Amino acid sequence: MIHKKNILKRILYISLLTLLILTTQKLYAQYILTRNFEVNLSTAPFDVEITGTSKDVYDIDVDKLSATVKNNNSYPISGNVTFNNKQVTTFEVPAGGTKALSNLTLTQEITSGLSAGQYDLVVNVTAPYATTNNSIKVNLKGTFTNVKKCKMNETSLGTTANPYLVYKVEDLVRFAQEVSNQGNCTTKVVKQIDDLDFGLSTSYYNSNDTSLGNLNENANDGNKILQETTTGTGFIGVGTFTGPNDYKPFRGTYEGNKKAIRNLYINTTTGSRVGKPVALFNSLEGATIKGLRMNGKIKSAGDSSSIAGWVYGVCNITDCQNWATVECTVNDFSNGGIVGTAWTGANLTLTDCWNAASVTGGSATAGMVGLVFKSTITMERCRNTANITSTTTASSDSNNGTAGLVVKNSSNTGTVNIIQCFNSGIIKGNQNVAGLISSTNGALNITSSYNTGSVTATATGTYAGGLLARHRAGTTNITNSYSAGTISSGTAANKGGLVGYTAAAASLKYSNSYYLSTTATSATSNVANTTISRTKTQMQASTFATTLGGAFKYVSGSYPQLTWQ
C-alpha cells in the first residue's frame, strides 16, 4: 500500500512540472512574437517590382532580381531565397545588420515546368526562428526558356555552338533593332527555336507589351506589340537600306531550324519605308540564311520578297520556303519570292529553296529572285509552283521581265547558273516572259531543269520562251532540259519553245534539250532549223526521262521530274 505522504509529494511534483512547462511555453511564445526583422524589397535592375505592380521576366539568364534583408533584432538571423520551391541563394545577417541580395538569377533549372503566370520569389528566415515573406511577385510571360537576347551584346554568344536564340516575336524584333544599330548580333549566329505566328498572342512573351514603342508608324494605337506587328506598316525587317551606298545589312548566319514564321505582315505602300527594300531581312551582305518557312503577306511600293530585300557580297540561302504573298503596287521595282534584288558584285547561291506563294510586281518579277544586277547567282534544286505576274505596261524599262525563277538585268556582266530547278506556276507579264529566266546579257547556264507552267507575254513585239525569253548577248548553254508549258506572246512569231529570241552576236547552244511540239514552231523564234521538239506522248514516256539523264526520273502519266522532288 502506497503511503499518502508519497502520493501528495508526487501530485505536487507533477503540478509544479506542469506549471513550469506552461510558463516556459508562454515565455517562448512571447519571445517568438517579439521577434523583429523585416524584408525590404528593392526595385530590381530589370524586371521585378514590389508587390502590386509585377513586371515581366523575359530572359532568365540575364534578368537579375534583388532583395534586401534588414535584421532589427539583437541576435543574428539566417535563411534562403526560393523560387518554384527551389533555392536561389542563402544569407546570414548579423544582429542589427542589413544584407543586400543581388544578382538573383532564375536559371532554367529553377524555372523548369513553369508556364505563364505570377509567382512568388520567397524570402525564408530559417534561424533562429522561422518565417516567410513572399511579397516579391515575378510575372512570367510564356514558358521560361533559356533565352539569350541580342540586345545584351554578350561577346561569348553568337557562335555555332552557342548562338543567340529566338523564341518569341519580341526576340525577332530586338534582333532586327540590334542589326539596324549594327550591334553585336550583326555578324553572329542566330537560331530560331520555335515557330512564330505574328497573329497569335502565344508567340509573344507579352502581346500587350508597349516597351518596344511605335513600330507600325501609327502613334495613336497604344503601341501594344501584337498590334504593332500586324497593322499599319507592320514588322520592320532586319537591317536597313536607304540606297546602294547607305545600308546596314545582316552579315551573320540565321539558322531557321526548319521553323515557321507565320502571318508575317509588312505593308509599306505608305509611310517612311516607301521605295525601300522590305522582307524579313531588308538587306544582307555576306550572310547565310538556312531553313526558314515563311507565311504571311508582304505589300510594298518598292523592292520586296519574303527572305531578303537586297543582297550584297557572297550570300547563301539554303532550304528556305516561301508561302507569303508578295505584292508591289508600283512600277520600276524588283520583286521575288525569296530575294528582291541581287545588287552589283553579289555572289548569291540558293539551294533547295521553294516559292509556293504568288508574286505580283510592277517590273522585274520572279519566283526566286526579282532582279540580278551585275551579279552572279547560282540556284540548285530550287522550284517555283506559284503564279508570277508583272502588272506594268511600260515597254521602255530594260529590266522589265517576268519569270518562274529569275529576272536578269540588261548589263553584260554577271552569270546565272540554274541547276536541277523547275517551274510549274503560271507566268504572265508584259514583256520578256519565260518559265525560268526572263533575259540575259552575260553568261547563262541551264542544266537539268524544266518548265511545265504556262508562259504569257501580253505586249506586242516582245518575247516569250519556255525557259528563256530574251537572249541579248553573251553565252548561253542549255543542257539536259525541257519545256512543256504553253507559250503565248503578243506577237505570235516572237515565241520559242525554249528561247524566245536570241541576238545575232550572242552564243546560244542547246545540248540534249527539248520542247513540247504544240507550244512553238521552233526552239528559238528567230533561228531556223532548231526544231528539237517532242510530242506529249514522247515526253511522257520512260525513255524520255532516260534521255535527259540521271537527274530525272520517270513519272507515269506525267512529264519527267527531278529525282530530288
Protein backbone atom coordinates (compact mmCIF):
# COMPACT_ATOMS: atom_id res chain seq x y z
CA MET A 1 0.00 0.00 0.00
CA ILE A 2 1.38 3.39 -1.09
CA HIS A 3 1.87 5.89 1.69
CA LYS A 4 -0.40 9.03 1.50
CA LYS A 5 2.57 11.32 2.07
CA ASN A 6 4.34 9.94 -1.00
CA ILE A 7 1.18 10.41 -3.08
CA LEU A 8 0.93 14.05 -2.07
CA LYS A 9 4.58 14.59 -2.95
CA ARG A 10 4.04 13.09 -6.41
CA ILE A 11 0.96 15.24 -7.05
CA LEU A 12 2.86 18.34 -6.01
CA TYR A 13 5.80 17.38 -8.24
CA ILE A 14 3.56 16.85 -11.29
CA SER A 15 1.75 20.13 -10.68
CA LEU A 16 4.99 22.08 -10.45
CA LEU A 17 6.31 20.42 -13.59
CA THR A 18 3.14 21.24 -15.50
CA LEU A 19 3.26 24.85 -14.33
CA LEU A 20 6.90 25.10 -15.38
CA ILE A 21 6.11 23.72 -18.86
CA LEU A 22 3.17 26.08 -19.31
CA THR A 23 5.21 29.02 -18.11
CA THR A 24 8.07 28.10 -20.43
CA GLN A 25 5.68 27.74 -23.38
CA LYS A 26 4.15 31.12 -22.65
CA LEU A 27 7.55 32.77 -22.40
CA TYR A 28 8.67 31.03 -25.60
CA ALA A 29 5.57 32.18 -27.45
CA GLN A 30 6.02 35.70 -26.19
CA TYR A 31 9.63 35.65 -27.27
CA ILE A 32 8.62 34.44 -30.74
CA LEU A 33 6.07 37.20 -31.06
CA THR A 34 8.65 39.83 -30.17
CA ARG A 35 10.99 38.81 -32.98
CA ASN A 36 11.72 41.88 -35.06
CA PHE A 37 13.10 41.75 -38.60
CA GLU A 38 11.85 42.90 -41.98
CA VAL A 39 12.48 42.20 -45.64
CA ASN A 40 12.83 45.43 -47.60
CA LEU A 41 12.36 44.76 -51.30
CA SER A 42 14.45 46.77 -53.71
CA THR A 43 13.35 47.57 -57.26
CA ALA A 44 15.36 45.15 -59.36
CA PRO A 45 17.54 46.46 -62.18
CA PHE A 46 15.46 44.69 -64.79
CA ASP A 47 12.00 43.22 -64.37
CA VAL A 48 10.74 42.95 -60.79
CA GLU A 49 8.97 45.46 -58.60
CA ILE A 50 7.41 45.45 -55.16
CA THR A 51 4.00 43.83 -54.62
CA GLY A 52 1.13 45.38 -56.51
CA THR A 53 2.92 46.08 -59.78
CA SER A 54 4.59 43.00 -61.11
CA LYS A 55 6.92 43.06 -64.10
CA ASP A 56 7.63 40.61 -66.90
CA VAL A 57 10.74 38.49 -66.85
CA TYR A 58 11.78 37.71 -70.41
CA ASP A 59 15.32 36.47 -70.08
CA ILE A 60 16.12 34.20 -67.19
CA ASP A 61 19.87 34.21 -67.75
CA VAL A 62 20.36 37.95 -67.62
CA ASP A 63 17.44 39.42 -65.66
CA LYS A 64 18.81 39.63 -62.11
CA LEU A 65 16.43 40.06 -59.17
CA SER A 66 17.29 41.86 -55.93
CA ALA A 67 16.07 41.99 -52.34
CA THR A 68 17.41 43.47 -49.09
CA VAL A 69 17.04 41.71 -45.72
CA LYS A 70 17.28 44.02 -42.71
CA ASN A 71 17.65 42.42 -39.26
CA ASN A 72 16.29 44.64 -36.46
CA ASN A 73 16.93 42.05 -33.77
CA SER A 74 19.64 41.72 -31.15
CA TYR A 75 20.60 38.32 -32.49
CA PRO A 76 21.75 37.09 -35.94
CA ILE A 77 19.38 35.50 -38.42
CA SER A 78 19.90 33.30 -41.48
CA GLY A 79 17.76 32.00 -44.29
CA ASN A 80 17.35 31.49 -48.01
CA VAL A 81 15.53 32.72 -51.08
CA THR A 82 13.43 30.25 -53.09
CA PHE A 83 11.50 30.31 -56.34
CA ASN A 84 9.36 27.50 -57.67
CA ASN A 85 10.21 25.66 -54.43
CA LYS A 86 13.87 25.68 -55.41
CA GLN A 87 16.64 27.50 -53.59
CA VAL A 88 18.10 30.53 -55.35
CA THR A 89 20.55 31.70 -52.66
CA THR A 90 21.22 31.70 -48.90
CA PHE A 91 22.06 34.54 -46.49
CA GLU A 92 23.22 35.38 -42.97
CA VAL A 93 22.57 38.76 -41.35
CA PRO A 94 24.21 39.83 -38.05
CA ALA A 95 22.26 41.49 -35.27
CA GLY A 96 21.12 44.91 -36.40
CA GLY A 97 22.67 44.33 -39.80
CA THR A 98 21.49 44.56 -43.42
CA LYS A 99 22.17 42.11 -46.22
CA ALA A 100 21.75 43.02 -49.89
CA LEU A 101 20.79 40.02 -52.01
CA SER A 102 21.66 40.97 -55.56
CA ASN A 103 22.06 39.13 -58.87
CA LEU A 104 19.49 36.50 -58.01
CA THR A 105 19.48 34.61 -61.30
CA LEU A 106 16.46 32.49 -62.17
CA THR A 107 18.11 29.72 -64.14
CA GLN A 108 16.37 27.35 -66.50
CA GLU A 109 16.62 24.59 -63.90
CA ILE A 110 14.94 26.72 -61.24
CA THR A 111 12.07 27.74 -63.54
CA SER A 112 11.62 24.32 -65.12
CA GLY A 113 8.00 23.36 -65.72
CA LEU A 114 6.50 26.81 -65.21
CA SER A 115 4.15 28.39 -67.72
CA ALA A 116 2.67 31.86 -67.94
CA GLY A 117 1.52 33.23 -64.61
CA GLN A 118 2.51 35.17 -61.49
CA TYR A 119 4.81 33.52 -58.97
CA ASP A 120 6.42 34.41 -55.64
CA LEU A 121 10.09 34.97 -55.04
CA VAL A 122 10.13 33.83 -51.40
CA VAL A 123 12.48 35.07 -48.66
CA ASN A 124 12.65 32.49 -45.84
CA VAL A 125 14.20 33.20 -42.40
CA THR A 126 15.17 29.80 -41.04
CA ALA A 127 17.20 30.58 -37.91
CA PRO A 128 16.93 31.15 -35.10
CA TYR A 129 13.20 31.27 -35.82
CA ALA A 130 11.31 30.57 -38.99
CA THR A 131 9.16 32.93 -41.00
CA THR A 132 8.46 33.65 -44.66
CA ASN A 133 7.97 36.77 -46.76
CA ASN A 134 6.59 36.16 -50.23
CA SER A 135 5.77 39.67 -51.28
CA ILE A 136 8.05 39.77 -54.32
CA LYS A 137 5.94 38.95 -57.35
CA VAL A 138 7.56 37.67 -60.54
CA ASN A 139 5.29 37.71 -63.58
CA LEU A 140 6.15 35.07 -66.17
CA LYS A 141 5.03 35.63 -69.74
CA GLY A 142 5.18 32.39 -71.66
CA THR A 143 7.10 29.27 -70.69
CA PHE A 144 10.53 30.10 -69.30
CA THR A 145 13.27 29.24 -71.71
CA ASN A 146 16.97 29.83 -71.83
CA VAL A 147 16.68 32.95 -73.97
CA LYS A 148 19.74 34.97 -74.96
CA LYS A 149 18.84 38.33 -76.42
CA CYS A 150 20.95 40.13 -78.96
CA LYS A 151 20.45 43.40 -77.15
CA MET A 152 22.68 42.18 -74.33
CA ASN A 153 25.66 42.29 -76.69
CA GLU A 154 27.36 39.41 -74.92
CA THR A 155 30.58 38.62 -76.77
CA SER A 156 30.50 34.97 -75.65
CA LEU A 157 27.33 34.37 -77.67
CA GLY A 158 26.65 34.22 -81.38
CA THR A 159 28.72 31.17 -82.30
CA THR A 160 27.51 27.98 -83.95
CA ALA A 161 27.88 26.18 -80.64
CA ASN A 162 26.31 28.97 -78.59
CA PRO A 163 24.07 31.11 -80.82
CA TYR A 164 21.68 33.86 -79.94
CA LEU A 165 18.26 32.22 -79.62
CA VAL A 166 14.89 33.38 -80.93
CA TYR A 167 11.90 32.00 -79.03
CA LYS A 168 9.28 34.72 -79.40
CA VAL A 169 8.37 37.63 -81.68
CA GLU A 170 9.98 40.10 -79.27
CA ASP A 171 13.30 38.32 -79.76
CA LEU A 172 12.99 38.77 -83.52
CA VAL A 173 12.08 42.45 -83.13
CA ARG A 174 15.03 43.07 -80.81
CA PHE A 175 17.31 41.20 -83.21
CA ALA A 176 16.14 43.46 -86.05
CA GLN A 177 16.78 46.55 -83.93
CA GLU A 178 20.21 45.28 -82.98
CA VAL A 179 21.21 44.83 -86.63
CA SER A 180 19.76 48.22 -87.58
CA ASN A 181 22.09 49.69 -84.96
CA GLN A 182 24.93 47.46 -86.28
CA GLY A 183 25.37 45.91 -82.86
CA ASN A 184 26.96 42.64 -81.85
CA CYS A 185 24.31 40.43 -83.49
CA THR A 186 25.08 41.86 -86.93
CA THR A 187 27.81 39.33 -87.69
CA LYS A 188 26.86 36.49 -85.35
CA VAL A 189 24.90 33.23 -85.46
CA VAL A 190 21.23 33.50 -84.55
CA LYS A 191 19.00 30.43 -84.21
CA GLN A 192 15.21 30.24 -84.19
CA ILE A 193 13.91 27.74 -81.64
CA ASP A 194 10.12 27.83 -82.04
CA ASP A 195 7.56 28.55 -84.74
CA LEU A 196 6.49 32.20 -84.61
CA ASP A 197 3.00 33.38 -85.53
CA PHE A 198 2.66 37.16 -85.57
CA GLY A 199 -1.11 36.82 -85.24
CA LEU A 200 -1.12 34.66 -82.08
CA SER A 201 -0.60 36.04 -78.58
CA THR A 202 1.14 32.80 -77.58
CA SER A 203 4.02 33.67 -79.92
CA TYR A 204 4.79 36.69 -77.72
CA TYR A 205 6.16 36.88 -74.22
CA ASN A 206 3.55 39.55 -73.61
CA SER A 207 1.39 40.54 -76.57
CA ASN A 208 0.31 43.68 -74.68
CA ASP A 209 3.84 44.90 -74.06
CA THR A 210 4.34 48.53 -75.12
CA SER A 211 8.03 48.86 -74.26
CA LEU A 212 9.18 48.37 -77.88
CA GLY A 213 7.41 51.56 -78.89
CA ASN A 214 5.79 52.64 -82.14
CA LEU A 215 6.86 50.21 -84.87
CA ASN A 216 3.96 50.43 -87.34
CA GLU A 217 4.03 54.22 -87.82
CA ASN A 218 0.72 54.66 -86.02
CA ALA A 219 1.45 56.66 -82.90
CA ASN A 220 -2.15 56.55 -81.67
CA ASP A 221 -2.83 52.81 -81.39
CA GLY A 222 -1.34 52.17 -77.94
CA ASN A 223 1.88 50.54 -79.16
CA LYS A 224 0.99 47.02 -77.99
CA ILE A 225 3.48 44.71 -79.66
CA LEU A 226 0.95 42.39 -81.36
CA GLN A 227 -0.88 45.42 -82.74
CA GLU A 228 2.38 46.96 -83.94
CA THR A 229 3.44 43.92 -85.96
CA THR A 230 0.09 43.15 -87.57
CA THR A 231 -1.33 46.56 -88.56
CA GLY A 232 -0.14 49.78 -90.17
CA THR A 233 3.23 49.32 -91.82
CA GLY A 234 3.78 46.14 -89.78
CA PHE A 235 7.01 44.35 -88.99
CA ILE A 236 10.28 46.22 -89.54
CA GLY A 237 12.73 43.80 -91.12
CA VAL A 238 16.28 43.01 -90.11
CA GLY A 239 18.78 45.60 -91.36
CA THR A 240 18.19 48.91 -93.09
CA PHE A 241 18.53 50.20 -96.62
CA THR A 242 18.43 53.79 -97.82
CA GLY A 243 20.43 53.34 -101.03
CA PRO A 244 23.26 51.31 -102.56
CA ASN A 245 25.78 53.38 -100.60
CA ASP A 246 23.78 53.67 -97.39
CA TYR A 247 22.70 50.39 -95.87
CA LYS A 248 23.15 48.42 -92.64
CA PRO A 249 22.85 44.73 -93.52
CA PHE A 250 22.87 41.48 -91.57
CA ARG A 251 26.24 39.80 -92.11
CA GLY A 252 25.88 36.73 -89.93
CA THR A 253 24.08 33.39 -90.07
CA TYR A 254 20.39 32.87 -89.31
CA GLU A 255 19.52 29.27 -88.53
CA GLY A 256 15.80 28.96 -89.22
CA ASN A 257 15.96 25.42 -87.87
CA LYS A 258 13.10 24.43 -90.24
CA LYS A 259 10.78 26.56 -88.11
CA ALA A 260 7.97 28.71 -89.46
CA ILE A 261 7.35 32.44 -89.38
CA ARG A 262 3.60 32.74 -89.92
CA ASN A 263 1.39 35.75 -90.59
CA LEU A 264 4.35 37.99 -91.30
CA TYR A 265 2.79 41.33 -92.18
CA ILE A 266 4.59 44.15 -93.98
CA ASN A 267 2.76 46.98 -95.75
CA THR A 268 5.00 49.81 -96.94
CA THR A 269 2.73 51.31 -99.57
CA THR A 270 2.64 54.39 -97.30
CA GLY A 271 4.93 55.76 -94.63
CA SER A 272 8.67 56.25 -94.31
CA ARG A 273 9.61 52.92 -95.93
CA VAL A 274 8.04 53.60 -99.34
CA GLY A 275 10.56 52.77 -102.06
CA LYS A 276 12.89 50.88 -99.71
CA PRO A 277 13.52 47.12 -99.88
CA VAL A 278 11.38 45.12 -97.48
CA ALA A 279 11.47 41.49 -96.36
CA LEU A 280 12.23 39.55 -93.21
CA PHE A 281 15.80 40.70 -93.91
CA ASN A 282 15.73 44.10 -95.58
CA SER A 283 19.38 43.76 -96.58
CA LEU A 284 22.04 41.04 -96.46
CA GLU A 285 25.76 41.20 -97.10
CA GLY A 286 27.95 38.15 -96.83
CA ALA A 287 25.19 36.37 -94.89
CA THR A 288 23.80 32.84 -94.67
CA ILE A 289 20.10 32.09 -94.17
CA LYS A 290 19.01 28.49 -93.56
CA GLY A 291 15.85 26.50 -93.00
CA LEU A 292 13.10 29.16 -92.85
CA ARG A 293 9.42 28.57 -93.62
CA MET A 294 7.70 31.87 -94.43
CA ASN A 295 3.99 32.65 -94.41
CA GLY A 296 2.09 35.92 -94.49
CA LYS A 297 1.54 38.99 -96.66
CA ILE A 298 4.08 41.49 -97.95
CA LYS A 299 2.82 44.55 -99.79
CA SER A 300 5.19 47.31 -100.85
CA ALA A 301 5.92 50.27 -103.06
CA GLY A 302 9.50 49.11 -103.58
CA ASP A 303 11.69 46.04 -103.94
CA SER A 304 10.32 43.20 -101.86
CA SER A 305 10.43 39.49 -101.08
CA SER A 306 9.89 37.11 -98.18
CA ILE A 307 13.51 36.41 -97.16
CA ALA A 308 15.77 39.22 -98.42
CA GLY A 309 15.07 42.62 -99.98
CA TRP A 310 18.58 43.38 -101.26
CA VAL A 311 21.63 41.10 -101.30
CA TYR A 312 25.30 42.10 -101.49
CA GLY A 313 28.54 40.13 -101.32
CA VAL A 314 28.75 36.36 -101.02
CA CYS A 315 25.42 35.15 -99.63
CA ASN A 316 23.89 31.71 -99.23
CA ILE A 317 20.19 30.96 -98.81
CA THR A 318 19.51 27.29 -98.18
CA ASP A 319 16.39 25.20 -97.56
CA CYS A 320 14.02 28.16 -97.37
CA GLN A 321 10.35 28.03 -98.35
CA ASN A 322 8.06 30.94 -99.04
CA TRP A 323 4.29 30.75 -98.58
CA ALA A 324 3.88 34.52 -98.08
CA THR A 325 2.29 36.52 -100.90
CA VAL A 326 4.50 39.30 -102.24
CA GLU A 327 2.92 42.28 -103.99
CA CYS A 328 4.41 45.51 -105.30
CA THR A 329 1.92 48.24 -106.19
CA VAL A 330 4.15 50.45 -108.38
CA ASN A 331 6.40 50.08 -111.45
CA ASP A 332 10.18 50.00 -111.75
CA PHE A 333 10.95 47.78 -108.76
CA SER A 334 12.10 44.19 -108.30
CA ASN A 335 10.10 41.55 -106.51
CA GLY A 336 10.80 37.89 -105.85
CA GLY A 337 9.56 35.07 -103.68
CA ILE A 338 12.94 34.63 -101.95
CA VAL A 339 15.08 37.68 -102.92
CA GLY A 340 14.13 41.09 -104.31
CA THR A 341 17.44 42.19 -105.85
CA ALA A 342 20.97 40.79 -106.05
CA TRP A 343 22.96 44.01 -106.46
CA THR A 344 26.28 44.87 -108.12
CA GLY A 345 29.02 42.37 -107.33
CA ALA A 346 26.81 40.00 -105.36
CA ASN A 347 27.54 36.28 -105.47
CA LEU A 348 24.32 34.60 -104.36
CA THR A 349 23.70 30.88 -104.01
CA LEU A 350 20.21 29.48 -103.48
CA THR A 351 19.95 25.80 -102.68
CA ASP A 352 16.82 23.70 -102.04
CA CYS A 353 14.52 26.72 -101.98
CA TRP A 354 10.82 26.77 -102.84
CA ASN A 355 8.43 29.58 -103.66
CA ALA A 356 4.81 28.47 -103.23
CA ALA A 357 3.02 31.85 -103.00
CA SER A 358 2.04 34.37 -105.64
CA VAL A 359 4.41 37.21 -106.50
CA THR A 360 2.99 40.30 -108.21
CA GLY A 361 5.25 43.16 -109.26
CA GLY A 362 5.35 46.25 -111.40
CA SER A 363 8.55 45.45 -113.26
CA ALA A 364 11.12 42.69 -112.63
CA THR A 365 9.13 39.86 -111.05
CA ALA A 366 10.14 36.25 -110.41
CA GLY A 367 9.56 33.29 -108.14
CA MET A 368 13.09 33.14 -106.74
CA VAL A 369 14.98 36.42 -107.41
CA GLY A 370 13.31 39.56 -108.74
CA LEU A 371 16.41 41.03 -110.37
CA VAL A 372 20.05 40.04 -110.81
CA PHE A 373 22.00 43.26 -111.42
CA LYS A 374 25.64 42.85 -112.50
CA SER A 375 25.97 39.86 -110.19
CA THR A 376 26.47 36.12 -110.14
CA ILE A 377 23.74 33.80 -108.98
CA THR A 378 23.66 30.03 -108.71
CA MET A 379 20.48 28.16 -107.84
CA GLU A 380 20.32 24.43 -107.39
CA ARG A 381 17.30 22.21 -106.62
CA CYS A 382 15.00 25.23 -106.48
CA ARG A 383 11.38 25.41 -107.59
CA ASN A 384 8.51 27.78 -108.16
CA THR A 385 4.99 26.39 -108.06
CA ALA A 386 3.06 29.66 -107.73
CA ASN A 387 1.66 32.28 -110.10
CA ILE A 388 4.10 35.06 -111.03
CA THR A 389 2.64 38.23 -112.52
CA SER A 390 4.04 41.56 -113.66
CA THR A 391 1.42 44.30 -113.93
CA THR A 392 3.46 47.00 -115.67
CA THR A 393 2.61 48.10 -119.19
CA ALA A 394 5.82 50.09 -119.64
CA SER A 395 7.95 48.96 -122.55
CA SER A 396 10.95 51.23 -122.01
CA ASP A 397 12.23 49.58 -118.84
CA SER A 398 15.15 47.38 -119.86
CA ASN A 399 14.82 45.40 -116.62
CA ASN A 400 11.15 44.65 -117.17
CA GLY A 401 10.64 40.89 -117.15
CA THR A 402 8.68 38.06 -115.59
CA ALA A 403 9.91 34.53 -114.92
CA GLY A 404 9.42 31.47 -112.78
CA LEU A 405 12.88 31.74 -111.24
CA VAL A 406 14.83 34.93 -112.02
CA VAL A 407 14.95 38.19 -113.99
CA LYS A 408 18.39 39.21 -115.29
CA ASN A 409 19.17 42.84 -115.99
CA SER A 410 20.43 44.18 -119.34
CA SER A 411 24.05 44.50 -118.22
CA ASN A 412 26.55 42.21 -119.95
CA THR A 413 28.30 41.44 -116.67
CA GLY A 414 27.35 38.66 -114.31
CA THR A 415 26.48 34.98 -114.53
CA VAL A 416 23.37 32.93 -113.86
CA ASN A 417 23.60 29.18 -113.20
CA ILE A 418 20.38 27.16 -112.95
CA ILE A 419 20.93 23.54 -111.93
CA GLN A 420 18.17 20.94 -111.38
CA CYS A 421 15.44 23.56 -110.94
CA PHE A 422 11.90 23.83 -112.28
CA ASN A 423 8.81 25.99 -112.63
CA SER A 424 5.23 24.74 -112.68
CA GLY A 425 3.48 28.05 -111.91
CA ILE A 426 1.61 30.32 -114.30
CA ILE A 427 3.90 33.12 -115.55
CA LYS A 428 2.34 36.24 -117.05
CA GLY A 429 3.75 39.67 -117.86
CA ASN A 430 4.06 42.50 -120.34
CA GLN A 431 7.35 41.52 -121.96
CA ASN A 432 10.31 39.12 -121.67
CA VAL A 433 8.32 36.33 -120.04
CA ALA A 434 9.72 32.83 -119.51
CA GLY A 435 9.42 29.70 -117.42
CA LEU A 436 12.86 30.04 -115.82
CA ILE A 437 14.67 33.33 -116.67
CA SER A 438 13.42 36.42 -118.47
CA SER A 439 16.59 37.66 -120.17
CA THR A 440 20.37 37.51 -120.11
CA ASN A 441 23.33 39.52 -121.35
CA GLY A 442 26.21 37.77 -119.62
CA ALA A 443 26.75 34.06 -119.10
CA LEU A 444 23.79 31.72 -118.57
CA ASN A 445 23.92 28.01 -117.89
CA ILE A 446 20.73 25.98 -117.56
CA THR A 447 21.37 22.37 -116.63
CA SER A 448 18.92 19.51 -115.95
CA SER A 449 15.98 21.88 -115.43
CA TYR A 450 12.46 22.22 -116.82
CA ASN A 451 9.26 24.23 -117.12
CA THR A 452 5.68 22.91 -117.22
CA GLY A 453 3.91 26.18 -116.37
CA SER A 454 2.13 28.34 -118.92
CA VAL A 455 4.02 31.42 -120.15
CA THR A 456 2.24 34.55 -121.45
CA ALA A 457 3.73 37.82 -122.74
CA THR A 458 0.94 40.30 -123.42
CA ALA A 459 2.71 43.18 -125.22
CA THR A 460 3.11 43.33 -128.97
CA GLY A 461 6.65 42.93 -130.23
CA THR A 462 8.01 41.33 -127.05
CA TYR A 463 9.27 37.81 -126.37
CA ALA A 464 8.18 34.66 -124.59
CA GLY A 465 10.11 31.43 -124.14
CA GLY A 466 9.70 28.11 -122.39
CA LEU A 467 12.95 28.53 -120.45
CA LEU A 468 14.43 31.92 -121.51
CA ALA A 469 12.60 34.86 -123.06
CA ARG A 470 15.35 37.08 -124.47
CA HIS A 471 19.00 36.29 -125.09
CA ARG A 472 20.50 39.76 -125.51
CA ALA A 473 24.22 38.94 -125.58
CA GLY A 474 26.88 36.68 -124.09
CA THR A 475 26.94 32.90 -123.95
CA THR A 476 24.02 30.67 -123.04
CA ASN A 477 24.20 26.89 -122.66
CA ILE A 478 21.04 24.85 -122.16
CA THR A 479 21.76 21.22 -121.30
CA ASN A 480 19.56 18.18 -120.49
CA SER A 481 16.49 20.38 -120.05
CA TYR A 482 12.97 20.73 -121.43
CA SER A 483 9.83 22.89 -121.52
CA ALA A 484 6.28 21.56 -121.84
CA GLY A 485 4.19 24.57 -120.75
CA THR A 486 2.02 26.52 -123.16
CA ILE A 487 3.59 29.70 -124.57
CA SER A 488 1.80 32.85 -125.77
CA SER A 489 3.09 36.20 -126.99
CA GLY A 490 1.51 39.47 -128.14
CA THR A 491 3.36 38.79 -131.37
CA ALA A 492 2.95 35.10 -132.21
CA ALA A 493 6.21 34.92 -134.11
CA ASN A 494 8.16 36.02 -131.04
CA LYS A 495 7.77 32.87 -129.01
CA GLY A 496 10.20 29.98 -128.78
CA GLY A 497 9.80 26.53 -127.31
CA LEU A 498 12.96 27.06 -125.25
CA VAL A 499 14.19 30.62 -126.01
CA GLY A 500 12.00 33.47 -127.23
CA TYR A 501 14.72 35.43 -129.01
CA THR A 502 18.49 35.38 -129.41
CA ALA A 503 20.63 38.25 -130.71
CA ALA A 504 22.82 37.63 -133.74
CA ALA A 505 26.03 38.27 -131.83
CA ALA A 506 25.02 36.06 -128.90
CA SER A 507 26.14 32.47 -128.48
CA LEU A 508 23.29 30.03 -127.79
CA LYS A 509 23.91 26.31 -127.53
CA TYR A 510 21.39 23.52 -126.94
CA SER A 511 22.54 20.12 -125.74
CA ASN A 512 20.02 17.30 -125.32
CA SER A 513 17.21 19.78 -124.62
CA TYR A 514 13.64 19.73 -125.97
CA TYR A 515 10.27 21.47 -126.05
CA LEU A 516 6.69 20.30 -126.45
CA SER A 517 5.84 20.37 -130.15
CA THR A 518 2.45 22.06 -129.70
CA THR A 519 3.86 25.08 -127.84
CA ALA A 520 6.01 26.61 -130.62
CA THR A 521 7.29 26.01 -134.13
CA SER A 522 10.94 26.37 -133.16
CA ALA A 523 13.16 26.15 -130.10
CA THR A 524 14.19 29.76 -130.82
CA SER A 525 11.74 32.08 -132.54
CA ASN A 526 14.24 33.86 -134.82
CA VAL A 527 16.58 30.95 -135.59
CA ALA A 528 15.72 28.45 -138.29
CA ASN A 529 16.27 24.70 -138.02
CA THR A 530 16.06 24.46 -134.25
CA THR A 531 13.12 22.07 -134.24
CA ILE A 532 14.11 19.89 -131.30
CA SER A 533 10.57 19.16 -130.27
CA ARG A 534 8.82 16.09 -128.90
CA THR A 535 5.16 15.17 -128.70
CA LYS A 536 3.37 14.85 -125.39
CA THR A 537 3.38 11.08 -125.72
CA GLN A 538 7.10 11.03 -126.37
CA MET A 539 7.88 13.38 -123.46
CA GLN A 540 5.79 11.32 -121.03
CA ALA A 541 7.44 8.04 -121.99
CA SER A 542 10.00 6.43 -119.70
CA THR A 543 12.62 6.62 -122.44
CA PHE A 544 12.46 10.42 -122.43
CA ALA A 545 13.40 10.58 -118.74
CA THR A 546 16.31 8.28 -119.50
CA THR A 547 17.36 10.50 -122.40
CA LEU A 548 17.52 13.55 -120.13
CA GLY A 549 19.97 11.81 -117.82
CA GLY A 550 20.35 10.69 -114.22
CA ALA A 551 18.98 13.92 -112.70
CA PHE A 552 15.48 12.94 -113.92
CA LYS A 553 13.03 10.18 -113.04
CA TYR A 554 10.09 8.73 -114.93
CA VAL A 555 6.59 9.51 -113.58
CA SER A 556 3.75 7.53 -115.12
CA GLY A 557 1.24 9.72 -116.94
CA SER A 558 3.29 12.87 -116.45
CA TYR A 559 6.38 14.66 -117.65
CA PRO A 560 9.74 13.67 -116.13
CA GLN A 561 10.55 15.03 -112.70
CA LEU A 562 13.84 15.64 -110.95
CA THR A 563 15.00 12.84 -108.68
CA TRP A 564 15.10 15.15 -105.64
CA GLN A 565 11.39 16.01 -105.91
